[in-house]
Amino acid sequence: MAQAVGDAFESGKHLFVEAGTGVGKSFAYLVPAIERVTQHGGRVVISTHTIALQEQLIEKDIPFLQKALPQSFRAVLVKGRSNYLGLRRLARASERAKAKGLDIAFIHGDAGATPLEPRSFDLLFSRFGVMFFENPAVSFAHLRKALKPSGRIAFVCWRRFPENEWVLKPFVAASQFIAPPARPGPEDPGPFSFGDPERVQRIFRDAGYRDLQMTPFDAELRLGRNLDEAMTDIVQFGPVAALFADAPDDLKAKAVDA
């Protein structure tokens, strides 16, 4: 793979490579990229799909190569606010809505601080997003001010971690080879931070809401079209991604096999 990446740099051609998890592919594109910029100048942009991979590159792989390789180079991290909102995609979505004559406003801002017209909305809806609020009670109190007196809020979130077997079972299997990181605190943001019904009720009471209803929902979750795609997805999400973040490649490979 490293040779193919180097050849692509040299020829100026596009290259698409598919490789399994835990085979050391990050070095296979980092080393040719470093050789390219140190020999020919210029810059290389590396875009990651997950926060875990971003942290692996910037905190582990690149510092290792800075010590191991004779070339001198530097790397910087460029990221969007919070969970990497793509501003160009947001702008593109706004343009498409206007082109279709849809009366939709796209706003980039902090849910706990962005000015919203008071008492102007009938419904607030979120799909797997509210669990990541740094201070959920403050954010929901701010959003409540934008609701009409008859308005309501509805959202979908994950239940407790042990109730989500699609991520629990891979985590348990991988933990046979990789020591689990410290568990997040009960008030820390994260994918399963709204899994405790009592905590959710307390947050909404503190934010000034009433008549809270929570309904468990069970459904089949499909990850990819086959086992390989499912494994590629699962190691990039939540607890499993955190487990893999600082693990050596040989242990990652054993964990994936498990």
Protein backbone atom coordinates (compact mmCIF):
# COMPACT_ATOMS: atom_id res chain seq x y z
CA MET A 1 0.00 0.00 0.00
CA ALA A 2 2.83 2.41 0.87
CA GLN A 3 4.42 1.81 -2.54
CA ALA A 4 1.08 2.40 -4.27
CA VAL A 5 0.56 5.68 -2.39
CA GLY A 6 4.09 6.78 -3.29
CA ASP A 7 3.54 5.92 -6.95
CA ALA A 8 0.27 7.89 -6.94
CA PHE A 9 2.08 10.94 -5.59
CA GLU A 10 4.77 10.58 -8.23
CA SER A 11 2.39 10.10 -11.16
CA GLY A 12 -0.24 12.59 -10.01
CA LYS A 13 -2.97 9.97 -10.32
CA HIS A 14 -5.85 9.15 -8.03
CA LEU A 15 -5.64 6.04 -5.86
CA PHE A 16 -8.33 4.14 -3.98
CA VAL A 17 -7.22 1.50 -1.47
CA GLU A 18 -9.37 -0.66 0.77
CA ALA A 19 -7.60 -2.25 3.72
CA GLY A 20 -8.71 -4.06 6.84
CA THR A 21 -8.62 -2.70 10.37
CA GLY A 22 -5.46 -3.09 12.41
CA VAL A 23 -3.01 -3.70 9.55
CA GLY A 24 -1.02 -0.48 9.99
CA LYS A 25 -2.45 1.35 7.00
CA SER A 26 -1.98 4.77 8.61
CA PHE A 27 1.81 4.39 8.29
CA ALA A 28 1.29 3.22 4.70
CA TYR A 29 -0.04 6.63 3.70
CA LEU A 30 1.77 8.79 6.25
CA VAL A 31 5.31 7.72 5.30
CA PRO A 32 4.91 8.36 1.52
CA ALA A 33 3.19 11.67 2.32
CA ILE A 34 6.08 12.72 4.55
CA GLU A 35 8.64 11.73 1.90
CA ARG A 36 6.72 13.70 -0.69
CA VAL A 37 6.55 16.98 1.22
CA THR A 38 10.13 16.80 2.50
CA GLN A 39 11.57 16.05 -0.95
CA HIS A 40 9.32 18.16 -3.18
CA GLY A 41 7.77 20.72 -0.85
CA GLY A 42 4.08 21.53 -0.60
CA ARG A 43 1.53 20.28 1.88
CA VAL A 44 -0.59 17.17 2.31
CA VAL A 45 -4.11 17.16 3.76
CA ILE A 46 -5.27 14.00 5.52
CA SER A 47 -8.98 13.83 6.28
CA THR A 48 -10.32 11.33 8.82
CA HIS A 49 -13.80 9.87 9.14
CA THR A 50 -13.69 9.59 12.94
CA ILE A 51 -12.43 11.51 15.93
CA ALA A 52 -10.67 8.36 17.16
CA LEU A 53 -8.55 8.10 14.01
CA GLN A 54 -7.82 11.82 14.10
CA GLU A 55 -6.53 11.46 17.67
CA GLN A 56 -4.52 8.37 16.75
CA LEU A 57 -2.75 10.22 13.94
CA ILE A 58 -2.04 13.46 15.76
CA GLU A 59 -1.24 12.01 19.18
CA LYS A 60 0.45 8.72 18.34
CA ASP A 61 1.36 7.90 14.73
CA ILE A 62 2.76 11.26 13.60
CA PRO A 63 4.81 11.87 16.79
CA PHE A 64 6.22 8.35 16.41
CA LEU A 65 7.26 9.03 12.81
CA GLN A 66 8.78 12.38 13.78
CA LYS A 67 11.14 10.45 16.02
CA ALA A 68 11.68 7.43 13.76
CA LEU A 69 12.26 9.12 10.38
CA PRO A 70 15.31 11.22 9.49
CA GLN A 71 13.21 13.88 7.76
CA SER A 72 12.11 16.94 9.70
CA PHE A 73 8.44 17.86 9.29
CA ARG A 74 5.53 19.24 11.24
CA ALA A 75 1.82 18.54 11.37
CA VAL A 76 -1.13 20.67 12.46
CA LEU A 77 -4.69 19.75 13.31
CA VAL A 78 -7.52 21.62 11.62
CA LYS A 79 -11.04 20.76 12.72
CA GLY A 80 -14.51 22.18 12.86
CA ARG A 81 -16.23 23.25 16.03
CA SER A 82 -17.67 20.46 18.21
CA ASN A 83 -18.29 17.37 16.09
CA TYR A 84 -16.85 18.61 12.83
CA LEU A 85 -19.81 20.31 11.19
CA GLY A 86 -19.12 20.64 7.47
CA LEU A 87 -19.82 24.31 6.76
CA ARG A 88 -19.63 23.81 3.01
CA ARG A 89 -22.21 21.04 3.22
CA LEU A 90 -24.39 23.24 5.39
CA ALA A 91 -24.14 26.02 2.80
CA ARG A 92 -24.85 23.54 0.00
CA ALA A 93 -27.94 22.26 1.80
CA SER A 94 -29.16 25.83 2.18
CA GLU A 95 -28.62 26.49 -1.52
CA ARG A 96 -30.52 23.36 -2.50
CA ALA A 97 -33.44 24.29 -0.25
CA LYS A 98 -33.64 27.73 -1.83
CA ALA A 99 -33.43 26.26 -5.33
CA LYS A 100 -36.41 24.02 -4.55
CA GLY A 101 -38.38 26.88 -3.05
CA LEU A 102 -38.34 25.39 0.45
CA ASP A 103 -38.72 27.77 3.37
CA ILE A 104 -35.94 26.23 5.49
CA ALA A 105 -33.28 28.12 7.46
CA PHE A 106 -29.90 26.52 8.17
CA ILE A 107 -28.12 27.96 11.21
CA HIS A 108 -24.61 27.18 12.41
CA GLY A 109 -24.38 27.85 16.13
CA ASP A 110 -24.27 26.65 19.72
CA ALA A 111 -27.54 25.11 20.88
CA GLY A 112 -27.03 26.71 24.27
CA ALA A 113 -26.28 30.24 23.09
CA THR A 114 -27.31 30.96 19.48
CA PRO A 115 -30.02 33.66 19.44
CA LEU A 116 -33.42 32.29 18.42
CA GLU A 117 -36.71 34.14 18.09
CA PRO A 118 -38.61 33.65 21.37
CA ARG A 119 -41.80 31.59 21.29
CA SER A 120 -41.56 30.98 17.57
CA PHE A 121 -41.23 27.19 17.17
CA ASP A 122 -43.84 24.46 17.48
CA LEU A 123 -41.38 21.57 17.60
CA LEU A 124 -37.71 20.95 18.34
CA PHE A 125 -36.34 17.62 17.08
CA SER A 126 -32.96 15.93 17.37
CA ARG A 127 -31.68 12.59 16.09
CA PHE A 128 -28.80 11.26 18.23
CA GLY A 129 -27.36 14.70 18.93
CA VAL A 130 -28.49 16.00 22.31
CA MET A 131 -26.33 13.50 24.25
CA PHE A 132 -23.25 15.52 23.31
CA PHE A 133 -24.30 18.82 24.90
CA GLU A 134 -21.59 19.96 27.31
CA ASN A 135 -24.22 21.42 29.66
CA PRO A 136 -27.55 19.89 28.60
CA ALA A 137 -29.72 21.68 31.17
CA VAL A 138 -28.44 25.08 30.02
CA SER A 139 -28.82 24.16 26.34
CA PHE A 140 -32.36 22.84 26.76
CA ALA A 141 -33.37 25.86 28.83
CA HIS A 142 -32.12 28.12 26.04
CA LEU A 143 -33.99 26.10 23.42
CA ARG A 144 -37.18 26.12 25.52
CA LYS A 145 -37.35 29.90 25.21
CA ALA A 146 -37.71 29.48 21.44
CA LEU A 147 -40.75 27.20 21.82
CA LYS A 148 -44.31 28.42 21.74
CA PRO A 149 -46.29 27.81 24.95
CA SER A 150 -47.91 24.82 23.20
CA GLY A 151 -44.61 23.66 21.65
CA ARG A 152 -42.82 20.44 22.39
CA ILE A 153 -39.43 18.80 22.01
CA ALA A 154 -38.79 15.30 20.67
CA PHE A 155 -35.52 13.47 20.24
CA VAL A 156 -34.01 10.05 19.71
CA CYS A 157 -31.04 8.88 21.79
CA TRP A 158 -29.28 5.66 22.71
CA ARG A 159 -30.30 3.81 25.86
CA ARG A 160 -27.75 2.51 28.38
CA PHE A 161 -24.56 1.02 26.98
CA PRO A 162 -25.34 -2.54 28.20
CA GLU A 163 -28.70 -2.42 26.38
CA ASN A 164 -27.01 -1.80 23.02
CA GLU A 165 -25.72 -5.24 22.11
CA TRP A 166 -24.57 -4.09 18.66
CA VAL A 167 -21.74 -2.19 20.35
CA LEU A 168 -21.54 -4.04 23.68
CA LYS A 169 -20.60 -7.43 22.22
CA PRO A 170 -17.73 -6.11 20.03
CA PHE A 171 -16.49 -4.07 22.99
CA VAL A 172 -16.44 -7.10 25.30
CA ALA A 173 -14.73 -9.23 22.64
CA ALA A 174 -12.06 -6.61 21.97
CA SER A 175 -11.51 -6.03 25.70
CA GLN A 176 -9.98 -9.51 25.90
CA PHE A 177 -6.92 -8.06 24.15
CA ILE A 178 -7.07 -4.31 24.75
CA ALA A 179 -7.40 -2.75 28.20
CA PRO A 180 -10.55 -0.59 28.32
CA PRO A 181 -10.04 3.16 28.83
CA ALA A 182 -11.46 4.97 31.83
CA ARG A 183 -15.24 4.98 31.80
CA PRO A 184 -16.88 8.38 31.29
CA GLY A 185 -18.45 9.99 34.32
CA PRO A 186 -22.23 9.99 34.82
CA GLU A 187 -22.46 13.65 33.78
CA ASP A 188 -19.99 13.50 30.88
CA PRO A 189 -21.30 13.94 27.32
CA GLY A 190 -21.20 10.90 25.06
CA PRO A 191 -23.34 8.60 22.93
CA PHE A 192 -24.91 6.81 25.95
CA SER A 193 -25.03 9.74 28.36
CA PHE A 194 -28.83 9.93 28.12
CA GLY A 195 -29.25 6.25 28.93
CA ASP A 196 -30.26 6.93 32.55
CA PRO A 197 -33.96 7.93 32.56
CA GLU A 198 -33.66 9.60 35.97
CA ARG A 199 -30.82 11.80 34.76
CA VAL A 200 -32.79 12.80 31.65
CA GLN A 201 -35.82 13.71 33.77
CA ARG A 202 -33.65 15.79 36.09
CA ILE A 203 -32.07 17.64 33.15
CA PHE A 204 -35.44 18.57 31.70
CA ARG A 205 -36.89 19.56 35.07
CA ASP A 206 -33.89 21.85 35.61
CA ALA A 207 -34.42 23.28 32.11
CA GLY A 208 -38.06 24.12 32.86
CA TYR A 209 -39.88 21.38 30.89
CA ARG A 210 -42.84 19.33 32.04
CA ASP A 211 -44.86 16.26 30.94
CA LEU A 212 -41.76 14.32 29.90
CA GLN A 213 -42.43 10.96 28.26
CA MET A 214 -39.81 8.36 27.37
CA THR A 215 -40.58 5.33 25.22
CA PRO A 216 -38.09 2.48 24.67
CA PHE A 217 -37.74 1.50 21.03
CA ASP A 218 -36.10 -1.70 19.78
CA ALA A 219 -35.17 -2.21 16.15
CA GLU A 220 -32.71 -4.12 14.00
CA LEU A 221 -29.60 -2.07 13.30
CA ARG A 222 -27.68 -2.82 10.11
CA LEU A 223 -24.01 -1.90 9.98
CA GLY A 224 -22.71 -2.24 6.45
CA ARG A 225 -23.60 -4.71 3.73
CA ASN A 226 -21.41 -7.51 5.09
CA LEU A 227 -19.29 -8.47 8.09
CA ASP A 228 -16.20 -6.59 6.90
CA GLU A 229 -18.14 -3.35 6.46
CA ALA A 230 -19.82 -3.87 9.83
CA MET A 231 -16.45 -4.25 11.53
CA THR A 232 -15.10 -1.17 9.77
CA ASP A 233 -18.03 0.84 11.11
CA ILE A 234 -18.10 -0.53 14.65
CA VAL A 235 -14.42 0.20 15.39
CA GLN A 236 -15.05 3.85 14.50
CA PHE A 237 -17.89 4.42 16.96
CA GLY A 238 -18.06 5.31 20.64
CA PRO A 239 -16.61 2.88 23.18
CA VAL A 240 -15.02 0.58 20.59
CA ALA A 241 -13.30 3.51 18.88
CA ALA A 242 -11.99 4.69 22.26
CA LEU A 243 -10.74 1.18 22.92
CA PHE A 244 -8.81 1.13 19.63
CA ALA A 245 -7.47 4.69 19.83
CA ASP A 246 -4.09 3.99 21.47
CA ALA A 247 -3.86 0.22 20.99
CA PRO A 248 -0.92 -1.29 19.05
CA ASP A 249 -1.73 -2.74 15.65
CA ASP A 250 -1.14 -6.36 16.66
CA LEU A 251 -3.71 -6.12 19.45
CA LYS A 252 -6.16 -4.34 17.16
CA ALA A 253 -5.88 -7.22 14.68
CA LYS A 254 -6.56 -9.77 17.45
CA ALA A 255 -9.52 -7.73 18.67
CA VAL A 256 -11.01 -7.54 15.19
CA ASP A 257 -10.62 -11.31 14.74
CA ALA A 258 -12.43 -11.84 18.05
